[in-house]
Amino acid sequence: MSTNLIILIIAALVVLIVIFTYNRLVKLRNNREKAFADIDVQLKQRHDLIPQLVDAVKGYMDHERELLTQITEARSKAMSAGNINDRIDAENQLSGALAGLRVAVEAYPDLKANQNFMNLQEEISDVENKLAASRRYFNSATKEFNSAIQVFPAVLFAGMFGFRRQQMFEISAEQREAHERAPEIKF
């Protein structure tokens, strides 16, 4: 075999590897974006339920206006966030505000007995469960994408083609701390 033919075969192999790697990374990036679209559906449902929830508790929680305002502002921020990473941060803030509402509701037995409020709580709980499942899928897709850009041979080309490590949809530090704290038991 001539040297030119060997060089041509090696060049063709390198080109094929680059094409295969690029196409795989594009598919993984698109899979991650699709996974976030699934989260988006659940977030829209949650955003639609929040004003109803706030209205349901307004009459009972007159002196909790600051908390209700915080929830409303967090919802607005979450709805107007631009890219996926900004949305993740805004949604974590909204989740924290809603957790604060759940804690505050404990002090209002009449509110907890209100059927409209109970129905809203049930709907939000259902949406939160679906959202958790969607987040797990999104994080799995993100992990697969991040792993793919860090392994050989993709690591050689990923940066060149604009593929960067992406953020997971994790709970915020405040939420993690709340989950790790022992529950408060009152008799």
N, C-alpha and C. Protein backbone atom coordinates (compact mmCIF):
# COMPACT_ATOMS: atom_id res chain seq x y z
N MET A 1 0.83 -1.18 0.00
CA MET A 1 0.00 0.00 0.00
C MET A 1 0.87 1.24 0.00
N SER A 2 0.36 2.19 -0.67
CA SER A 2 1.14 3.42 -0.72
C SER A 2 0.87 4.27 0.52
N THR A 3 1.80 5.12 0.82
CA THR A 3 1.69 5.99 1.99
C THR A 3 0.49 6.93 1.87
N ASN A 4 0.23 7.39 0.65
CA ASN A 4 -0.91 8.30 0.44
C ASN A 4 -2.23 7.60 0.76
N LEU A 5 -2.36 6.34 0.40
CA LEU A 5 -3.58 5.59 0.66
C LEU A 5 -3.78 5.39 2.18
N ILE A 6 -2.69 5.10 2.88
CA ILE A 6 -2.77 4.93 4.33
C ILE A 6 -3.18 6.24 5.00
N ILE A 7 -2.60 7.34 4.56
CA ILE A 7 -2.95 8.65 5.10
C ILE A 7 -4.42 8.97 4.80
N LEU A 8 -4.87 8.65 3.62
CA LEU A 8 -6.26 8.89 3.23
C LEU A 8 -7.23 8.06 4.08
N ILE A 9 -6.89 6.81 4.35
CA ILE A 9 -7.72 5.94 5.18
C ILE A 9 -7.78 6.47 6.62
N ILE A 10 -6.63 6.87 7.15
CA ILE A 10 -6.59 7.42 8.51
C ILE A 10 -7.40 8.71 8.59
N ALA A 11 -7.26 9.58 7.60
CA ALA A 11 -8.02 10.84 7.58
C ALA A 11 -9.52 10.55 7.50
N ALA A 12 -9.90 9.58 6.69
CA ALA A 12 -11.32 9.21 6.58
C ALA A 12 -11.85 8.68 7.91
N LEU A 13 -11.05 7.88 8.60
CA LEU A 13 -11.45 7.36 9.90
C LEU A 13 -11.62 8.48 10.93
N VAL A 14 -10.70 9.42 10.93
CA VAL A 14 -10.79 10.56 11.86
C VAL A 14 -12.05 11.37 11.56
N VAL A 15 -12.32 11.62 10.28
CA VAL A 15 -13.52 12.36 9.90
C VAL A 15 -14.78 11.61 10.34
N LEU A 16 -14.82 10.31 10.15
CA LEU A 16 -15.97 9.51 10.57
C LEU A 16 -16.15 9.54 12.09
N ILE A 17 -15.06 9.47 12.82
CA ILE A 17 -15.14 9.54 14.28
C ILE A 17 -15.67 10.90 14.72
N VAL A 18 -15.20 11.96 14.10
CA VAL A 18 -15.67 13.31 14.43
C VAL A 18 -17.16 13.44 14.12
N ILE A 19 -17.58 12.97 12.97
CA ILE A 19 -18.99 13.04 12.58
C ILE A 19 -19.86 12.23 13.55
N PHE A 20 -19.44 11.02 13.85
CA PHE A 20 -20.18 10.17 14.77
C PHE A 20 -20.28 10.82 16.15
N THR A 21 -19.17 11.35 16.63
CA THR A 21 -19.14 11.99 17.94
C THR A 21 -20.03 13.21 17.97
N TYR A 22 -19.93 14.06 16.96
CA TYR A 22 -20.76 15.26 16.89
C TYR A 22 -22.24 14.90 16.88
N ASN A 23 -22.62 13.96 16.04
CA ASN A 23 -24.03 13.55 15.95
C ASN A 23 -24.53 12.98 17.27
N ARG A 24 -23.71 12.21 17.95
CA ARG A 24 -24.11 11.65 19.24
C ARG A 24 -24.32 12.75 20.27
N LEU A 25 -23.42 13.73 20.29
CA LEU A 25 -23.55 14.83 21.24
C LEU A 25 -24.80 15.68 20.94
N VAL A 26 -25.10 15.88 19.68
CA VAL A 26 -26.31 16.62 19.31
C VAL A 26 -27.55 15.87 19.78
N LYS A 27 -27.58 14.56 19.59
CA LYS A 27 -28.72 13.75 20.05
C LYS A 27 -28.87 13.84 21.57
N LEU A 28 -27.76 13.76 22.28
CA LEU A 28 -27.82 13.84 23.75
C LEU A 28 -28.27 15.23 24.22
N ARG A 29 -27.80 16.27 23.54
CA ARG A 29 -28.23 17.63 23.89
C ARG A 29 -29.73 17.79 23.63
N ASN A 30 -30.20 17.27 22.50
CA ASN A 30 -31.62 17.34 22.18
C ASN A 30 -32.46 16.53 23.16
N ASN A 31 -31.94 15.40 23.61
CA ASN A 31 -32.64 14.58 24.60
C ASN A 31 -32.77 15.35 25.90
N ARG A 32 -31.73 16.06 26.29
CA ARG A 32 -31.77 16.88 27.51
C ARG A 32 -32.80 17.99 27.37
N GLU A 33 -32.84 18.64 26.22
CA GLU A 33 -33.81 19.71 25.99
C GLU A 33 -35.24 19.16 26.00
N LYS A 34 -35.44 17.98 25.43
CA LYS A 34 -36.75 17.33 25.47
C LYS A 34 -37.14 17.02 26.90
N ALA A 35 -36.18 16.55 27.68
CA ALA A 35 -36.45 16.25 29.09
C ALA A 35 -36.86 17.52 29.83
N PHE A 36 -36.24 18.65 29.50
CA PHE A 36 -36.64 19.89 30.16
C PHE A 36 -38.02 20.33 29.69
N ALA A 37 -38.38 20.03 28.45
CA ALA A 37 -39.72 20.35 27.97
C ALA A 37 -40.77 19.60 28.80
N ASP A 38 -40.45 18.36 29.20
CA ASP A 38 -41.36 17.61 30.07
C ASP A 38 -41.50 18.30 31.42
N ILE A 39 -40.40 18.81 31.94
CA ILE A 39 -40.44 19.57 33.20
C ILE A 39 -41.28 20.82 33.00
N ASP A 40 -41.11 21.46 31.87
CA ASP A 40 -41.84 22.69 31.56
C ASP A 40 -43.35 22.51 31.66
N VAL A 41 -43.85 21.37 31.20
CA VAL A 41 -45.29 21.09 31.27
C VAL A 41 -45.74 21.07 32.73
N GLN A 42 -44.97 20.40 33.57
CA GLN A 42 -45.33 20.32 34.99
C GLN A 42 -45.19 21.69 35.67
N LEU A 43 -44.18 22.45 35.28
CA LEU A 43 -44.00 23.78 35.86
C LEU A 43 -45.16 24.69 35.49
N LYS A 44 -45.63 24.60 34.26
CA LYS A 44 -46.79 25.41 33.83
C LYS A 44 -48.00 25.07 34.68
N GLN A 45 -48.24 23.79 34.92
CA GLN A 45 -49.37 23.41 35.77
C GLN A 45 -49.20 23.98 37.17
N ARG A 46 -47.98 23.89 37.69
CA ARG A 46 -47.73 24.42 39.03
C ARG A 46 -47.94 25.93 39.05
N HIS A 47 -47.44 26.61 38.02
CA HIS A 47 -47.60 28.06 37.95
C HIS A 47 -49.08 28.44 37.87
N ASP A 48 -49.89 27.64 37.18
CA ASP A 48 -51.32 27.91 37.08
C ASP A 48 -52.04 27.70 38.41
N LEU A 49 -51.56 26.77 39.22
CA LEU A 49 -52.22 26.48 40.49
C LEU A 49 -51.84 27.46 41.60
N ILE A 50 -50.68 28.06 41.51
CA ILE A 50 -50.18 28.92 42.59
C ILE A 50 -51.10 30.12 42.86
N PRO A 51 -51.58 30.85 41.83
CA PRO A 51 -52.50 31.97 42.15
C PRO A 51 -53.77 31.50 42.88
N GLN A 52 -54.28 30.34 42.50
CA GLN A 52 -55.46 29.80 43.18
C GLN A 52 -55.13 29.49 44.64
N LEU A 53 -53.96 28.92 44.86
CA LEU A 53 -53.54 28.60 46.22
C LEU A 53 -53.38 29.86 47.06
N VAL A 54 -52.74 30.86 46.48
CA VAL A 54 -52.54 32.12 47.19
C VAL A 54 -53.88 32.76 47.53
N ASP A 55 -54.82 32.75 46.56
CA ASP A 55 -56.15 33.32 46.82
C ASP A 55 -56.88 32.56 47.92
N ALA A 56 -56.71 31.23 47.94
CA ALA A 56 -57.39 30.42 48.94
C ALA A 56 -56.89 30.72 50.35
N VAL A 57 -55.63 31.07 50.51
CA VAL A 57 -55.09 31.29 51.85
C VAL A 57 -55.10 32.76 52.27
N LYS A 58 -55.35 33.67 51.34
CA LYS A 58 -55.30 35.10 51.68
C LYS A 58 -56.20 35.46 52.85
N GLY A 59 -57.43 34.99 52.83
CA GLY A 59 -58.38 35.35 53.88
C GLY A 59 -57.97 34.83 55.24
N TYR A 60 -57.27 33.72 55.29
CA TYR A 60 -56.87 33.12 56.55
C TYR A 60 -55.56 33.68 57.09
N MET A 61 -54.72 34.12 56.18
CA MET A 61 -53.35 34.48 56.58
C MET A 61 -53.08 35.97 56.35
N ASP A 62 -53.89 36.82 56.93
CA ASP A 62 -53.70 38.26 56.72
C ASP A 62 -52.31 38.73 57.12
N HIS A 63 -51.77 38.23 58.20
CA HIS A 63 -50.46 38.72 58.64
C HIS A 63 -49.30 37.96 57.99
N GLU A 64 -49.60 37.11 57.03
CA GLU A 64 -48.56 36.39 56.29
C GLU A 64 -48.39 36.98 54.89
N ARG A 65 -48.75 38.23 54.71
CA ARG A 65 -48.71 38.88 53.39
C ARG A 65 -47.31 38.80 52.76
N GLU A 66 -46.29 38.95 53.58
CA GLU A 66 -44.91 38.92 53.06
C GLU A 66 -44.62 37.57 52.40
N LEU A 67 -45.06 36.49 53.02
CA LEU A 67 -44.85 35.16 52.46
C LEU A 67 -45.62 35.00 51.15
N LEU A 68 -46.86 35.47 51.12
CA LEU A 68 -47.66 35.36 49.89
C LEU A 68 -47.06 36.22 48.77
N THR A 69 -46.55 37.38 49.13
CA THR A 69 -45.88 38.24 48.14
C THR A 69 -44.62 37.56 47.61
N GLN A 70 -43.87 36.93 48.50
CA GLN A 70 -42.65 36.21 48.11
C GLN A 70 -42.99 35.09 47.12
N ILE A 71 -44.06 34.36 47.37
CA ILE A 71 -44.48 33.28 46.48
C ILE A 71 -44.86 33.84 45.12
N THR A 72 -45.64 34.92 45.12
CA THR A 72 -46.08 35.54 43.87
C THR A 72 -44.89 36.05 43.07
N GLU A 73 -43.94 36.69 43.74
CA GLU A 73 -42.75 37.20 43.06
C GLU A 73 -41.89 36.06 42.53
N ALA A 74 -41.74 35.01 43.31
CA ALA A 74 -40.95 33.85 42.86
C ALA A 74 -41.60 33.20 41.64
N ARG A 75 -42.93 33.13 41.63
CA ARG A 75 -43.65 32.57 40.49
C ARG A 75 -43.40 33.42 39.25
N SER A 76 -43.50 34.74 39.38
CA SER A 76 -43.27 35.64 38.24
C SER A 76 -41.86 35.49 37.70
N LYS A 77 -40.91 35.41 38.61
CA LYS A 77 -39.50 35.25 38.23
C LYS A 77 -39.30 33.93 37.48
N ALA A 78 -39.94 32.87 37.98
CA ALA A 78 -39.81 31.56 37.35
C ALA A 78 -40.44 31.54 35.96
N MET A 79 -41.55 32.23 35.81
CA MET A 79 -42.22 32.24 34.52
C MET A 79 -41.47 33.08 33.48
N SER A 80 -40.70 34.06 33.93
CA SER A 80 -40.01 34.93 32.98
C SER A 80 -38.54 34.56 32.77
N ALA A 81 -38.06 33.55 33.47
CA ALA A 81 -36.65 33.15 33.31
C ALA A 81 -36.41 32.69 31.88
N GLY A 82 -35.24 33.03 31.37
CA GLY A 82 -34.93 32.75 29.96
C GLY A 82 -34.42 31.35 29.68
N ASN A 83 -33.17 31.11 29.96
CA ASN A 83 -32.57 29.83 29.59
C ASN A 83 -32.80 28.77 30.66
N ILE A 84 -32.42 27.55 30.36
CA ILE A 84 -32.68 26.42 31.25
C ILE A 84 -32.04 26.64 32.62
N ASN A 85 -30.81 27.09 32.67
CA ASN A 85 -30.12 27.28 33.96
C ASN A 85 -30.79 28.36 34.81
N ASP A 86 -31.24 29.46 34.19
CA ASP A 86 -31.96 30.50 34.92
C ASP A 86 -33.29 29.97 35.44
N ARG A 87 -33.95 29.15 34.62
CA ARG A 87 -35.23 28.56 35.04
C ARG A 87 -35.02 27.64 36.23
N ILE A 88 -33.95 26.87 36.20
CA ILE A 88 -33.67 25.96 37.32
C ILE A 88 -33.51 26.76 38.61
N ASP A 89 -32.72 27.83 38.56
CA ASP A 89 -32.51 28.65 39.75
C ASP A 89 -33.81 29.29 40.24
N ALA A 90 -34.60 29.81 39.31
CA ALA A 90 -35.86 30.46 39.68
C ALA A 90 -36.85 29.45 40.25
N GLU A 91 -36.89 28.26 39.68
CA GLU A 91 -37.81 27.23 40.18
C GLU A 91 -37.39 26.76 41.57
N ASN A 92 -36.10 26.72 41.84
CA ASN A 92 -35.65 26.36 43.18
C ASN A 92 -36.09 27.41 44.20
N GLN A 93 -36.06 28.68 43.82
CA GLN A 93 -36.53 29.74 44.72
C GLN A 93 -38.04 29.60 44.96
N LEU A 94 -38.78 29.29 43.90
CA LEU A 94 -40.22 29.10 44.04
C LEU A 94 -40.53 27.91 44.93
N SER A 95 -39.79 26.83 44.77
CA SER A 95 -40.00 25.65 45.61
C SER A 95 -39.75 25.99 47.08
N GLY A 96 -38.73 26.79 47.33
CA GLY A 96 -38.44 27.21 48.70
C GLY A 96 -39.56 28.06 49.28
N ALA A 97 -40.11 28.95 48.46
CA ALA A 97 -41.22 29.79 48.92
C ALA A 97 -42.46 28.94 49.23
N LEU A 98 -42.72 27.95 48.37
CA LEU A 98 -43.87 27.07 48.62
C LEU A 98 -43.66 26.23 49.88
N ALA A 99 -42.43 25.83 50.13
CA ALA A 99 -42.14 25.08 51.36
C ALA A 99 -42.43 25.95 52.58
N GLY A 100 -42.11 27.24 52.48
CA GLY A 100 -42.41 28.17 53.56
C GLY A 100 -43.91 28.29 53.80
N LEU A 101 -44.68 28.24 52.72
CA LEU A 101 -46.14 28.28 52.85
C LEU A 101 -46.65 27.04 53.56
N ARG A 102 -46.11 25.88 53.20
CA ARG A 102 -46.55 24.63 53.85
C ARG A 102 -46.32 24.69 55.36
N VAL A 103 -45.19 25.27 55.76
CA VAL A 103 -44.89 25.40 57.18
C VAL A 103 -45.87 26.38 57.83
N ALA A 104 -46.14 27.50 57.18
CA ALA A 104 -47.03 28.52 57.74
C ALA A 104 -48.46 28.01 57.87
N VAL A 105 -48.90 27.16 56.95
CA VAL A 105 -50.26 26.64 56.96
C VAL A 105 -50.54 25.82 58.22
N GLU A 106 -49.52 25.22 58.78
CA GLU A 106 -49.69 24.40 59.98
C GLU A 106 -50.31 25.18 61.13
N ALA A 107 -50.14 26.49 61.14
CA ALA A 107 -50.67 27.31 62.23
C ALA A 107 -52.14 27.70 62.02
N TYR A 108 -52.75 27.24 60.92
CA TYR A 108 -54.13 27.64 60.59
C TYR A 108 -55.01 26.41 60.41
N PRO A 109 -55.55 25.88 61.51
CA PRO A 109 -56.38 24.67 61.41
C PRO A 109 -57.63 24.87 60.56
N ASP A 110 -58.22 26.07 60.59
CA ASP A 110 -59.40 26.32 59.76
C ASP A 110 -59.07 26.23 58.28
N LEU A 111 -57.91 26.73 57.92
CA LEU A 111 -57.47 26.67 56.52
C LEU A 111 -57.24 25.23 56.10
N LYS A 112 -56.60 24.46 56.96
CA LYS A 112 -56.33 23.06 56.63
C LYS A 112 -57.62 22.27 56.46
N ALA A 113 -58.73 22.73 57.08
CA ALA A 113 -60.01 22.04 56.97
C ALA A 113 -60.82 22.52 55.76
N ASN A 114 -60.42 23.61 55.12
CA ASN A 114 -61.13 24.15 53.97
C ASN A 114 -61.01 23.20 52.78
N GLN A 115 -62.15 22.79 52.21
CA GLN A 115 -62.15 21.79 51.13
C GLN A 115 -61.46 22.32 49.88
N ASN A 116 -61.69 23.58 49.52
CA ASN A 116 -61.04 24.16 48.35
C ASN A 116 -59.52 24.14 48.51
N PHE A 117 -59.07 24.51 49.70
CA PHE A 117 -57.63 24.49 49.97
C PHE A 117 -57.09 23.07 49.90
N MET A 118 -57.83 22.13 50.47
CA MET A 118 -57.39 20.73 50.46
C MET A 118 -57.29 20.20 49.03
N ASN A 119 -58.26 20.55 48.18
CA ASN A 119 -58.20 20.13 46.78
C ASN A 119 -57.00 20.72 46.06
N LEU A 120 -56.73 22.00 46.32
CA LEU A 120 -55.56 22.64 45.71
C LEU A 120 -54.26 21.98 46.19
N GLN A 121 -54.19 21.71 47.48
CA GLN A 121 -53.01 21.05 48.04
C GLN A 121 -52.79 19.69 47.36
N GLU A 122 -53.89 18.96 47.15
CA GLU A 122 -53.81 17.65 46.51
C GLU A 122 -53.31 17.79 45.07
N GLU A 123 -53.84 18.77 44.34
CA GLU A 123 -53.41 18.99 42.95
C GLU A 123 -51.94 19.38 42.90
N ILE A 124 -51.55 20.28 43.78
CA ILE A 124 -50.14 20.71 43.80
C ILE A 124 -49.23 19.55 44.17
N SER A 125 -49.66 18.74 45.10
CA SER A 125 -48.88 17.57 45.49
C SER A 125 -48.71 16.62 44.30
N ASP A 126 -49.78 16.42 43.54
CA ASP A 126 -49.71 15.57 42.35
C ASP A 126 -48.74 16.15 41.32
N VAL A 127 -48.83 17.46 41.10
CA VAL A 127 -47.93 18.12 40.14
C VAL A 127 -46.49 18.01 40.64
N GLU A 128 -46.27 18.20 41.94
CA GLU A 128 -44.91 18.10 42.50
C GLU A 128 -44.33 16.69 42.30
N ASN A 129 -45.17 15.67 42.46
CA ASN A 129 -44.70 14.30 42.23
C ASN A 129 -44.33 14.07 40.77
N LYS A 130 -45.15 14.58 39.87
CA LYS A 130 -44.85 14.46 38.44
C LYS A 130 -43.60 15.26 38.10
N LEU A 131 -43.47 16.41 38.72
CA LEU A 131 -42.29 17.26 38.51
C LEU A 131 -41.03 16.55 38.99
N ALA A 132 -41.11 15.88 40.12
CA ALA A 132 -39.96 15.14 40.64
C ALA A 132 -39.54 14.04 39.66
N ALA A 133 -40.51 13.34 39.08
CA ALA A 133 -40.19 12.30 38.10
C ALA A 133 -39.56 12.91 36.85
N SER A 134 -40.09 14.04 36.41
CA SER A 134 -39.53 14.72 35.24
C SER A 134 -38.11 15.22 35.51
N ARG A 135 -37.88 15.71 36.72
CA ARG A 135 -36.54 16.17 37.09
C ARG A 135 -35.55 15.01 37.09
N ARG A 136 -35.98 13.86 37.59
CA ARG A 136 -35.09 12.69 37.57
C ARG A 136 -34.70 12.33 36.14
N TYR A 137 -35.67 12.35 35.24
CA TYR A 137 -35.38 12.05 33.84
C TYR A 137 -34.46 13.10 33.24
N PHE A 138 -34.73 14.37 33.54
CA PHE A 138 -33.88 15.46 33.05
C PHE A 138 -32.46 15.31 33.57
N ASN A 139 -32.31 15.03 34.86
CA ASN A 139 -30.99 14.86 35.44
C ASN A 139 -30.26 13.66 34.84
N SER A 140 -31.00 12.62 34.54
CA SER A 140 -30.40 11.46 33.89
C SER A 140 -29.89 11.84 32.49
N ALA A 141 -30.70 12.57 31.75
CA ALA A 141 -30.30 13.01 30.41
C ALA A 141 -29.11 13.97 30.50
N THR A 142 -29.11 14.84 31.51
CA THR A 142 -28.01 15.79 31.70
C THR A 142 -26.72 15.04 32.07
N LYS A 143 -26.85 14.05 32.94
CA LYS A 143 -25.69 13.26 33.34
C LYS A 143 -25.11 12.51 32.14
N GLU A 144 -25.98 11.95 31.32
CA GLU A 144 -25.51 11.23 30.13
C GLU A 144 -24.80 12.19 29.17
N PHE A 145 -25.37 13.38 28.99
CA PHE A 145 -24.74 14.39 28.13
C PHE A 145 -23.38 14.81 28.69
N ASN A 146 -23.35 15.15 29.99
CA ASN A 146 -22.10 15.59 30.62
C ASN A 146 -21.03 14.50 30.55
N SER A 147 -21.42 13.27 30.76
CA SER A 147 -20.46 12.16 30.67
C SER A 147 -19.94 12.00 29.26
N ALA A 148 -20.84 12.15 28.30
CA ALA A 148 -20.45 11.96 26.89
C ALA A 148 -19.43 12.99 26.43
N ILE A 149 -19.52 14.22 26.92
CA ILE A 149 -18.56 15.24 26.47
C ILE A 149 -17.22 15.14 27.20
N GLN A 150 -17.17 14.29 28.25
CA GLN A 150 -15.93 14.18 29.03
C GLN A 150 -15.13 12.93 28.70
N VAL A 151 -15.65 12.06 27.86
CA VAL A 151 -14.94 10.81 27.55
C VAL A 151 -14.25 10.92 26.20
N PHE A 152 -13.26 10.09 26.04
CA PHE A 152 -12.51 10.04 24.79
C PHE A 152 -13.33 9.31 23.75
N PRO A 153 -13.42 9.73 22.55
CA PRO A 153 -12.74 10.83 21.86
C PRO A 153 -13.51 12.14 21.89
N ALA A 154 -14.74 12.14 22.46
CA ALA A 154 -15.57 13.34 22.43
C ALA A 154 -14.90 14.52 23.12
N VAL A 155 -14.14 14.27 24.16
CA VAL A 155 -13.48 15.33 24.89
C VAL A 155 -12.55 16.15 23.97
N LEU A 156 -12.07 15.53 22.93
CA LEU A 156 -11.19 16.23 21.98
C LEU A 156 -11.95 17.23 21.12
N PHE A 157 -13.26 16.97 20.90
CA PHE A 157 -14.02 17.78 19.95
C PHE A 157 -15.16 18.57 20.59
N ALA A 158 -15.62 18.18 21.77
CA ALA A 158 -16.81 18.78 22.37
C ALA A 158 -16.67 20.30 22.52
N GLY A 159 -15.59 20.75 23.10
CA GLY A 159 -15.39 22.19 23.29
C GLY A 159 -15.32 22.93 21.98
N MET A 160 -14.70 22.31 21.00
CA MET A 160 -14.55 22.91 19.68
C MET A 160 -15.93 23.14 19.04
N PHE A 161 -16.88 22.26 19.30
CA PHE A 161 -18.21 22.36 18.72
C PHE A 161 -19.21 23.07 19.63
N GLY A 162 -18.74 23.60 20.75
CA GLY A 162 -19.60 24.38 21.63
C GLY A 162 -20.38 23.58 22.66
N PHE A 163 -20.02 22.33 22.86
CA PHE A 163 -20.70 21.53 23.87
C PHE A 163 -20.02 21.75 25.22
N ARG A 164 -20.80 22.21 26.20
CA ARG A 164 -20.28 22.51 27.53
C ARG A 164 -21.05 21.70 28.57
N ARG A 165 -20.43 21.49 29.70
CA ARG A 165 -21.07 20.81 30.82
C ARG A 165 -22.33 21.58 31.20
N GLN A 166 -23.41 20.86 31.47
CA GLN A 166 -24.69 21.47 31.77
C GLN A 166 -25.10 21.26 33.23
N GLN A 167 -25.91 22.15 33.73
CA GLN A 167 -26.36 22.13 35.12
C GLN A 167 -27.48 21.11 35.32
N MET A 168 -27.41 20.40 36.44
CA MET A 168 -28.48 19.49 36.82
C MET A 168 -29.61 20.30 37.45
N PHE A 169 -30.78 19.70 37.58
CA PHE A 169 -31.92 20.34 38.24
C PHE A 169 -31.99 19.76 39.64
N GLU A 170 -31.19 20.34 40.53
CA GLU A 170 -31.08 19.84 41.89
C GLU A 170 -31.83 20.76 42.83
N ILE A 171 -32.14 20.24 44.00
CA ILE A 171 -32.81 21.08 44.98
C ILE A 171 -31.81 22.09 45.53
N SER A 172 -32.33 23.20 45.99
CA SER A 172 -31.47 24.26 46.49
C SER A 172 -30.87 23.86 47.84
N ALA A 173 -29.89 24.61 48.28
CA ALA A 173 -29.23 24.33 49.56
C ALA A 173 -30.23 24.44 50.72
N GLU A 174 -31.14 25.43 50.65
CA GLU A 174 -32.14 25.59 51.70
C GLU A 174 -33.07 24.38 51.76
N GLN A 175 -33.48 23.90 50.58
CA GLN A 175 -34.36 22.73 50.55
C GLN A 175 -33.64 21.49 51.07
N ARG A 176 -32.39 21.34 50.69
CA ARG A 176 -31.61 20.19 51.15
C ARG A 176 -31.49 20.23 52.68
N GLU A 177 -31.23 21.43 53.21
CA GLU A 177 -31.11 21.58 54.65
C GLU A 177 -32.43 21.24 55.34
N ALA A 178 -33.54 21.66 54.76
CA ALA A 178 -34.85 21.37 55.33
C ALA A 178 -35.14 19.87 55.31
N HIS A 179 -34.71 19.18 54.27
CA HIS A 179 -34.92 17.73 54.18
C HIS A 179 -34.05 16.97 55.17
N GLU A 180 -32.88 17.51 55.46
CA GLU A 180 -31.96 16.83 56.37
C GLU A 180 -32.28 17.12 57.83
N ARG A 181 -33.05 18.18 58.09
CA ARG A 181 -33.40 18.55 59.46
C ARG A 181 -34.43 17.55 59.99
N ALA A 182 -34.28 17.19 61.24
CA ALA A 182 -35.25 16.28 61.86
C ALA A 182 -36.61 16.96 61.96
N PRO A 183 -37.69 16.21 61.72
CA PRO A 183 -39.01 16.83 61.79
C PRO A 183 -39.35 17.26 63.21
N GLU A 184 -40.10 18.36 63.29
CA GLU A 184 -40.52 18.88 64.58
C GLU A 184 -41.85 18.23 64.95
N ILE A 185 -41.90 17.59 66.07
CA ILE A 185 -43.10 16.87 66.50
C ILE A 185 -43.73 17.62 67.66
N LYS A 186 -45.03 17.94 67.49
CA LYS A 186 -45.76 18.68 68.52
C LYS A 186 -46.95 17.85 68.97
N PHE A 187 -47.21 17.88 70.28
CA PHE A 187 -48.39 17.19 70.83
C PHE A 187 -49.32 18.19 71.46
